[in-house]
Amino acid sequence: METQMKGLKAKFRQIEDDRKTLMTKHFQELKEKMDELLPLIPVLEQYKTDAKLITQFKEEIRNLSAVLTGIQEEIGAYDYEELHQRVLSLETRLRDCMKKLTCGKLMKITGPITVKTSGTRFGAWMTDPLASEKNNRVWYMDSYTNNKIVREYKSIADFVSGAESRTYNLPFKWAGTNHVVYNGSLYFNKYQSNIIIKYSFDMGRVLAQRSLEYAGFHNVYPYTWGGFSDIDLMADEIGLWAVYATNQNAGNIVISQLNQDTLEVMKSWNTGYPKRSAGESFMICGTLYVTNSHLTGAKVYYSYSTKTSTYEYTDIPFHNQYFHISMLDYNARDRALYAWNNGHQVLFNVTLFHIIKTEDDT
């Protein structure tokens, strides 16, 4: 009997230890979640928002953090489910507040970070801004002409190490380096034409193609570096865009918003900036930013807002580390500029000025 009692006590002790271990794990997960939420507060404080709401968030985070710290010393002293719901509720409210960040205005470009050195002097590399958090595929397109092979990598790490996961043999050669991957499809300019192609990676076939009316092509209106860069396809927080020039607009830049399914032009804006004087350009939140060169000393010199149909001259320098940029594209998911800089694949960080929408703004 005594032996049986000792055995039962040992089992109860083990069960209690297991329970404490499990609870410790759960509470540690909550504490890690709180640690993730803490950095959101100073971000919100930087911008126009409800000061009373921020104070409430800060107080609630302090209270929950204190409870979690105390629980680590005495596991089981608090109802886990109730605490879990409080943390989830706080996270939801904070995330909702972050979503009120309106599109930002470009203020600064820093970097670059050199990710890899490969390929020719000219090319493009990109990720999909609409991909899920777990989908970090990278696509690589070397050269600006006489090529139709796209290389795919499962992640940036695989891209750096050269662990290629798949290749795609496109049905047409591309022109230039100004392609974009958007919502699982590659959009590119067909060689020696003003035709835009939509190619699905998952289906392995062309889903749509359409001529961009009046758009110059084959070095009629390229960027300053040439390379058949007449038609620049890009994406931002708003959608899919084409940037090009026409005779009708005297060789100045035209911005067109495209339907991502049919490639139809939904709306166009005629700017007064000569396409041949632009080094590169990219869209952020419906505003086109244009650089004045592809060489050393380049800066973002001009911007055009499609929201207000107005332009301004800017002075935003960036470090052209390898002296020759042939591709510069904004990725809304990463909040970064992807660039091909003289055979180097690099990333630039961007600083945007945000304003948070309040109830009075709606």
Protein backbone atom coordinates (compact mmCIF):
# COMPACT_ATOMS: atom_id res chain seq x y z
CA MET A 1 0.00 0.00 0.00
CA GLU A 2 2.79 2.40 0.93
CA THR A 3 4.52 1.70 -2.35
CA GLN A 4 1.28 2.38 -4.25
CA MET A 5 0.79 5.67 -2.36
CA LYS A 6 4.33 6.74 -3.19
CA GLY A 7 3.68 5.87 -6.83
CA LEU A 8 0.48 7.91 -6.90
CA LYS A 9 2.20 10.87 -5.26
CA ALA A 10 4.96 10.69 -7.86
CA LYS A 11 2.37 10.63 -10.68
CA PHE A 12 0.49 13.59 -9.19
CA ARG A 13 3.77 15.47 -8.88
CA GLN A 14 4.58 14.70 -12.51
CA ILE A 15 1.12 15.84 -13.63
CA GLU A 16 1.49 19.07 -11.64
CA ASP A 17 4.98 19.65 -13.05
CA ASP A 18 3.70 19.00 -16.57
CA ARG A 19 0.82 21.41 -16.00
CA LYS A 20 3.20 24.08 -14.77
CA THR A 21 5.52 23.49 -17.70
CA LEU A 22 2.61 23.80 -20.14
CA MET A 23 1.28 26.90 -18.41
CA THR A 24 4.75 28.42 -18.39
CA LYS A 25 4.96 27.82 -22.13
CA HIS A 26 1.55 29.43 -22.72
CA PHE A 27 2.33 32.45 -20.58
CA GLN A 28 5.73 32.83 -22.24
CA GLU A 29 3.96 32.90 -25.61
CA LEU A 30 1.68 35.67 -24.31
CA LYS A 31 4.66 37.60 -23.01
CA GLU A 32 6.34 37.30 -26.42
CA LYS A 33 3.14 38.58 -28.02
CA MET A 34 3.22 41.59 -25.69
CA ASP A 35 6.84 42.21 -26.67
CA GLU A 36 5.70 42.30 -30.30
CA LEU A 37 3.01 44.88 -29.51
CA LEU A 38 5.22 47.25 -27.51
CA PRO A 39 7.04 48.74 -30.54
CA LEU A 40 3.71 49.76 -32.11
CA ILE A 41 3.10 52.41 -29.45
CA PRO A 42 6.02 54.72 -30.33
CA VAL A 43 5.13 54.35 -34.02
CA LEU A 44 1.61 55.58 -33.36
CA GLU A 45 2.89 58.36 -31.09
CA GLN A 46 4.92 59.83 -33.95
CA TYR A 47 1.86 60.62 -35.97
CA LYS A 48 -1.40 62.54 -35.67
CA THR A 49 -3.68 60.39 -33.55
CA ASP A 50 -5.89 60.31 -30.44
CA ALA A 51 -3.65 61.02 -27.44
CA LYS A 52 -6.22 59.60 -25.01
CA LEU A 53 -6.38 56.33 -26.98
CA ILE A 54 -2.59 56.00 -26.97
CA THR A 55 -2.52 56.58 -23.20
CA GLN A 56 -5.08 53.80 -22.74
CA PHE A 57 -3.02 51.43 -24.89
CA LYS A 58 0.16 52.20 -22.93
CA GLU A 59 -1.58 51.67 -19.58
CA GLU A 60 -3.11 48.38 -20.71
CA ILE A 61 0.23 47.11 -22.01
CA ARG A 62 1.89 48.04 -18.71
CA ASN A 63 -0.82 46.27 -16.69
CA LEU A 64 -0.75 43.11 -18.81
CA SER A 65 3.04 43.02 -18.79
CA ALA A 66 3.06 43.31 -14.99
CA VAL A 67 0.54 40.47 -14.67
CA LEU A 68 2.58 38.26 -17.00
CA THR A 69 5.77 38.96 -15.07
CA GLY A 70 4.04 38.09 -11.79
CA ILE A 71 2.63 34.90 -13.21
CA GLN A 72 6.10 33.72 -14.14
CA GLU A 73 6.84 33.68 -10.41
CA GLU A 74 3.60 31.90 -9.47
CA ILE A 75 2.19 29.87 -12.34
CA GLY A 76 -1.57 29.37 -12.31
CA ALA A 77 -2.42 32.41 -10.20
CA TYR A 78 -4.40 33.95 -13.05
CA ASP A 79 -7.01 32.62 -15.45
CA TYR A 80 -5.04 31.95 -18.62
CA GLU A 81 -8.03 32.12 -20.96
CA GLU A 82 -9.12 35.51 -19.65
CA LEU A 83 -5.59 36.86 -19.98
CA HIS A 84 -5.25 35.38 -23.45
CA GLN A 85 -8.42 37.14 -24.60
CA ARG A 86 -7.19 40.47 -23.18
CA VAL A 87 -3.92 40.18 -25.10
CA LEU A 88 -5.72 39.25 -28.34
CA SER A 89 -8.15 42.14 -27.91
CA LEU A 90 -5.31 44.57 -27.36
CA GLU A 91 -3.47 43.26 -30.41
CA THR A 92 -6.57 43.63 -32.60
CA ARG A 93 -7.14 47.22 -31.46
CA LEU A 94 -3.51 48.16 -32.00
CA ARG A 95 -3.42 46.57 -35.45
CA ASP A 96 -6.64 48.36 -36.41
CA CYS A 97 -5.09 51.63 -35.34
CA MET A 98 -1.99 50.90 -37.43
CA LYS A 99 -4.23 50.27 -40.46
CA LYS A 100 -5.44 53.86 -40.19
CA LEU A 101 -2.01 55.00 -41.33
CA THR A 102 -2.72 56.69 -44.62
CA CYS A 103 -0.39 56.40 -47.57
CA GLY A 104 2.83 58.22 -46.90
CA LYS A 105 4.92 60.83 -48.67
CA LEU A 106 8.53 59.95 -49.44
CA MET A 107 10.90 61.86 -47.16
CA LYS A 108 14.19 59.95 -47.20
CA ILE A 109 16.04 57.04 -48.84
CA THR A 110 18.76 55.20 -46.91
CA GLY A 111 21.10 52.34 -47.72
CA PRO A 112 21.69 50.46 -49.83
CA ILE A 113 22.09 46.96 -48.46
CA THR A 114 23.84 44.74 -50.98
CA VAL A 115 21.95 41.45 -51.11
CA LYS A 116 23.90 39.75 -53.87
CA THR A 117 26.32 40.34 -56.73
CA SER A 118 25.36 38.42 -59.86
CA GLY A 119 24.41 38.62 -63.51
CA THR A 120 25.16 41.30 -66.07
CA ARG A 121 25.17 45.06 -65.50
CA PHE A 122 21.44 45.19 -66.24
CA GLY A 123 18.51 43.20 -64.90
CA ALA A 124 15.62 42.97 -62.47
CA TRP A 125 14.84 41.12 -59.26
CA MET A 126 11.63 41.31 -57.27
CA THR A 127 9.19 39.85 -54.76
CA ASP A 128 5.39 39.93 -54.82
CA PRO A 129 3.93 42.76 -52.67
CA LEU A 130 0.62 40.87 -52.41
CA ALA A 131 2.13 37.55 -51.34
CA SER A 132 1.23 36.05 -47.96
CA GLU A 133 3.61 36.43 -45.02
CA LYS A 134 4.91 32.89 -45.53
CA ASN A 135 5.49 33.38 -49.25
CA ASN A 136 8.86 35.06 -49.75
CA ARG A 137 9.66 33.95 -53.29
CA VAL A 138 12.20 35.95 -55.28
CA TRP A 139 12.23 36.25 -59.09
CA TYR A 140 15.34 37.08 -61.07
CA MET A 141 15.50 38.31 -64.68
CA ASP A 142 19.01 38.95 -66.00
CA SER A 143 19.68 41.39 -68.87
CA TYR A 144 17.37 43.82 -70.65
CA THR A 145 17.06 41.98 -73.96
CA ASN A 146 17.39 38.64 -75.75
CA ASN A 147 16.22 36.62 -72.76
CA LYS A 148 13.04 34.91 -71.60
CA ILE A 149 14.25 32.80 -68.64
CA VAL A 150 12.91 33.76 -65.19
CA ARG A 151 14.59 32.16 -62.17
CA GLU A 152 12.66 31.60 -58.96
CA TYR A 153 13.96 31.22 -55.39
CA LYS A 154 11.88 30.28 -52.34
CA SER A 155 13.38 33.01 -50.15
CA ILE A 156 15.95 35.78 -50.00
CA ALA A 157 18.30 33.34 -48.25
CA ASP A 158 17.96 30.87 -51.14
CA PHE A 159 18.50 33.70 -53.60
CA VAL A 160 21.72 34.71 -51.85
CA SER A 161 22.99 31.12 -51.74
CA GLY A 162 21.92 30.42 -55.33
CA ALA A 163 19.47 27.65 -54.39
CA GLU A 164 17.18 28.01 -57.37
CA SER A 165 13.77 26.34 -56.95
CA ARG A 166 12.33 26.70 -60.44
CA THR A 167 12.81 28.31 -63.85
CA TYR A 168 10.18 29.63 -66.25
CA ASN A 169 10.67 29.81 -70.00
CA LEU A 170 8.44 32.69 -71.08
CA PRO A 171 6.72 32.48 -74.47
CA PHE A 172 8.16 35.88 -75.45
CA LYS A 173 11.40 37.76 -74.89
CA TRP A 174 11.13 40.81 -72.66
CA ALA A 175 12.27 44.37 -73.28
CA GLY A 176 13.98 46.43 -70.60
CA THR A 177 14.23 45.71 -66.88
CA ASN A 178 11.02 47.32 -65.71
CA HIS A 179 8.95 44.24 -64.94
CA VAL A 180 6.80 43.64 -61.87
CA VAL A 181 5.37 40.62 -60.05
CA TYR A 182 1.92 41.36 -58.66
CA ASN A 183 -0.56 38.95 -57.10
CA GLY A 184 1.18 35.87 -58.45
CA SER A 185 1.68 37.07 -62.02
CA LEU A 186 4.57 38.61 -63.92
CA TYR A 187 3.85 41.73 -65.96
CA PHE A 188 6.41 42.59 -68.63
CA ASN A 189 6.86 44.46 -71.91
CA LYS A 190 7.11 42.19 -74.94
CA TYR A 191 10.30 42.75 -76.93
CA GLN A 192 10.10 45.22 -79.86
CA SER A 193 6.52 46.20 -79.09
CA ASN A 194 4.36 48.25 -76.75
CA ILE A 195 2.46 45.10 -75.74
CA ILE A 196 2.15 44.28 -72.06
CA ILE A 197 2.06 40.60 -71.07
CA LYS A 198 0.51 39.10 -67.94
CA TYR A 199 2.04 35.69 -67.19
CA SER A 200 0.83 33.47 -64.33
CA PHE A 201 3.62 31.64 -62.50
CA ASP A 202 1.24 29.09 -60.99
CA MET A 203 -0.49 28.28 -64.29
CA GLY A 204 2.64 28.66 -66.40
CA ARG A 205 0.88 30.53 -69.17
CA VAL A 206 -0.09 33.97 -70.48
CA LEU A 207 -3.36 35.22 -69.00
CA ALA A 208 -3.63 38.51 -70.86
CA GLN A 209 -1.83 40.76 -73.33
CA ARG A 210 -2.66 44.23 -74.56
CA SER A 211 -1.05 47.02 -76.52
CA LEU A 212 -0.37 50.20 -74.55
CA GLU A 213 -1.79 52.72 -77.01
CA TYR A 214 0.66 55.31 -78.38
CA ALA A 215 3.41 54.23 -75.97
CA GLY A 216 6.92 54.57 -77.38
CA PHE A 217 9.04 51.42 -77.38
CA HIS A 218 12.43 50.03 -78.45
CA ASN A 219 14.46 53.03 -77.21
CA VAL A 220 12.12 55.72 -78.55
CA TYR A 221 11.48 57.06 -75.03
CA PRO A 222 13.77 55.14 -72.66
CA TYR A 223 15.23 56.24 -69.34
CA THR A 224 18.63 57.96 -69.48
CA TRP A 225 20.50 54.65 -69.54
CA GLY A 226 18.65 53.27 -72.59
CA GLY A 227 18.19 49.51 -72.50
CA PHE A 228 14.68 49.45 -74.07
CA SER A 229 13.38 50.95 -70.82
CA ASP A 230 10.53 52.78 -72.57
CA ILE A 231 7.71 51.09 -70.63
CA ASP A 232 8.02 50.77 -66.87
CA LEU A 233 5.51 48.51 -65.08
CA MET A 234 5.15 48.94 -61.33
CA ALA A 235 2.85 48.39 -58.37
CA ASP A 236 2.14 50.20 -55.12
CA GLU A 237 -0.48 50.27 -52.35
CA ILE A 238 -3.13 51.33 -54.86
CA GLY A 239 -2.56 48.89 -57.70
CA LEU A 240 -0.81 48.28 -61.02
CA TRP A 241 0.72 51.07 -63.12
CA ALA A 242 2.48 51.70 -66.42
CA VAL A 243 4.86 54.63 -66.89
CA TYR A 244 5.85 55.55 -70.45
CA ALA A 245 5.89 58.41 -72.97
CA THR A 246 3.98 59.24 -76.13
CA ASN A 247 4.35 61.55 -79.11
CA GLN A 248 0.97 63.01 -78.17
CA ASN A 249 2.46 64.15 -74.83
CA ALA A 250 5.63 65.45 -76.49
CA GLY A 251 7.79 62.66 -75.10
CA ASN A 252 6.86 63.53 -71.53
CA ILE A 253 5.96 60.90 -68.94
CA VAL A 254 2.46 59.44 -68.98
CA ILE A 255 1.16 57.54 -65.93
CA SER A 256 -1.58 54.96 -66.50
CA GLN A 257 -3.40 52.89 -63.91
CA LEU A 258 -4.04 49.40 -65.28
CA ASN A 259 -6.66 46.77 -64.62
CA GLN A 260 -4.58 43.87 -63.30
CA ASP A 261 -6.80 41.27 -65.01
CA THR A 262 -7.45 42.74 -68.45
CA LEU A 263 -4.53 45.23 -68.66
CA GLU A 264 -6.97 47.91 -69.79
CA VAL A 265 -6.00 51.49 -68.98
CA MET A 266 -8.44 52.73 -66.34
CA LYS A 267 -7.11 56.29 -66.14
CA SER A 268 -4.10 58.25 -67.37
CA TRP A 269 -2.23 61.37 -66.27
CA ASN A 270 0.01 63.43 -68.58
CA THR A 271 3.01 64.93 -66.80
CA GLY A 272 5.42 67.58 -68.04
CA TYR A 273 8.61 65.64 -67.23
CA PRO A 274 10.61 64.38 -70.26
CA LYS A 275 10.93 60.60 -70.13
CA ARG A 276 14.41 60.70 -71.67
CA SER A 277 15.61 62.94 -68.80
CA ALA A 278 14.50 60.47 -66.13
CA GLY A 279 16.98 58.02 -64.64
CA GLU A 280 14.31 55.75 -63.14
CA SER A 281 10.92 56.10 -61.46
CA PHE A 282 8.73 54.32 -58.93
CA MET A 283 5.24 54.67 -57.43
CA ILE A 284 4.43 55.02 -53.73
CA CYS A 285 0.81 55.52 -52.69
CA GLY A 286 -0.28 56.83 -56.07
CA THR A 287 2.60 59.31 -56.40
CA LEU A 288 5.27 58.86 -59.06
CA TYR A 289 8.82 59.67 -57.95
CA VAL A 290 11.36 60.34 -60.71
CA THR A 291 15.15 60.34 -60.43
CA ASN A 292 17.23 62.75 -62.50
CA SER A 293 19.95 60.24 -63.43
CA HIS A 294 21.03 56.61 -63.32
CA LEU A 295 24.61 57.56 -62.42
CA THR A 296 26.51 58.83 -59.37
CA GLY A 297 24.83 61.84 -57.78
CA ALA A 298 21.32 60.75 -58.75
CA LYS A 299 18.45 61.95 -56.59
CA VAL A 300 14.67 61.92 -56.59
CA TYR A 301 14.08 65.18 -58.39
CA TYR A 302 10.39 65.23 -59.33
CA SER A 303 7.11 63.81 -58.06
CA TYR A 304 3.60 63.69 -59.49
CA SER A 305 0.50 62.92 -57.43
CA THR A 306 -2.28 61.10 -59.26
CA LYS A 307 -4.60 61.97 -56.37
CA THR A 308 -4.33 65.74 -56.90
CA SER A 309 -2.94 65.80 -60.47
CA THR A 310 -0.16 68.10 -59.27
CA TYR A 311 3.63 67.92 -59.35
CA GLU A 312 6.54 69.26 -57.35
CA TYR A 313 10.30 69.32 -57.63
CA THR A 314 12.03 67.43 -54.85
CA ASP A 315 15.55 66.96 -53.54
CA ILE A 316 15.86 63.46 -52.05
CA PRO A 317 19.39 62.08 -52.49
CA PHE A 318 20.33 58.42 -52.28
CA HIS A 319 23.61 56.53 -52.43
CA ASN A 320 24.25 55.08 -55.89
CA GLN A 321 26.93 52.78 -54.52
CA TYR A 322 27.83 50.94 -57.72
CA PHE A 323 27.40 53.93 -60.06
CA HIS A 324 24.80 52.62 -62.54
CA ILE A 325 21.15 51.86 -61.73
CA SER A 326 19.10 50.01 -64.34
CA MET A 327 16.11 49.06 -62.18
CA LEU A 328 14.47 50.80 -59.20
CA ASP A 329 11.09 49.60 -57.92
CA TYR A 330 9.09 50.09 -54.72
CA ASN A 331 7.66 47.10 -52.87
CA ALA A 332 4.70 48.07 -50.69
CA ARG A 333 4.88 44.95 -48.50
CA ASP A 334 8.55 45.46 -47.65
CA ARG A 335 8.41 49.27 -47.67
CA ALA A 336 11.68 49.16 -49.61
CA LEU A 337 13.15 49.94 -53.01
CA TYR A 338 14.54 47.02 -54.99
CA ALA A 339 17.38 48.01 -57.30
CA TRP A 340 19.77 46.49 -59.82
CA ASN A 341 22.97 48.48 -59.46
CA ASN A 342 25.65 47.55 -61.99
CA GLY A 343 25.38 43.79 -61.41
CA HIS A 344 24.53 44.11 -57.72
CA GLN A 345 21.07 43.39 -56.32
CA VAL A 346 20.47 45.92 -53.54
CA LEU A 347 17.73 47.22 -51.24
CA PHE A 348 17.06 50.80 -50.16
CA ASN A 349 15.01 51.67 -47.09
CA VAL A 350 12.43 54.44 -47.46
CA THR A 351 11.12 56.83 -44.82
CA LEU A 352 7.53 57.92 -45.38
CA PHE A 353 5.61 60.70 -43.66
CA HIS A 354 2.25 59.38 -42.49
CA ILE A 355 -0.91 60.94 -41.17
CA ILE A 356 -3.35 58.78 -39.21
CA LYS A 357 -7.00 59.09 -40.16
CA THR A 358 -9.24 60.19 -37.30
CA GLU A 359 -13.01 60.05 -37.07
CA ASP A 360 -13.12 63.72 -38.16
CA ASP A 361 -11.44 62.79 -41.46
CA THR A 362 -14.14 60.32 -42.50
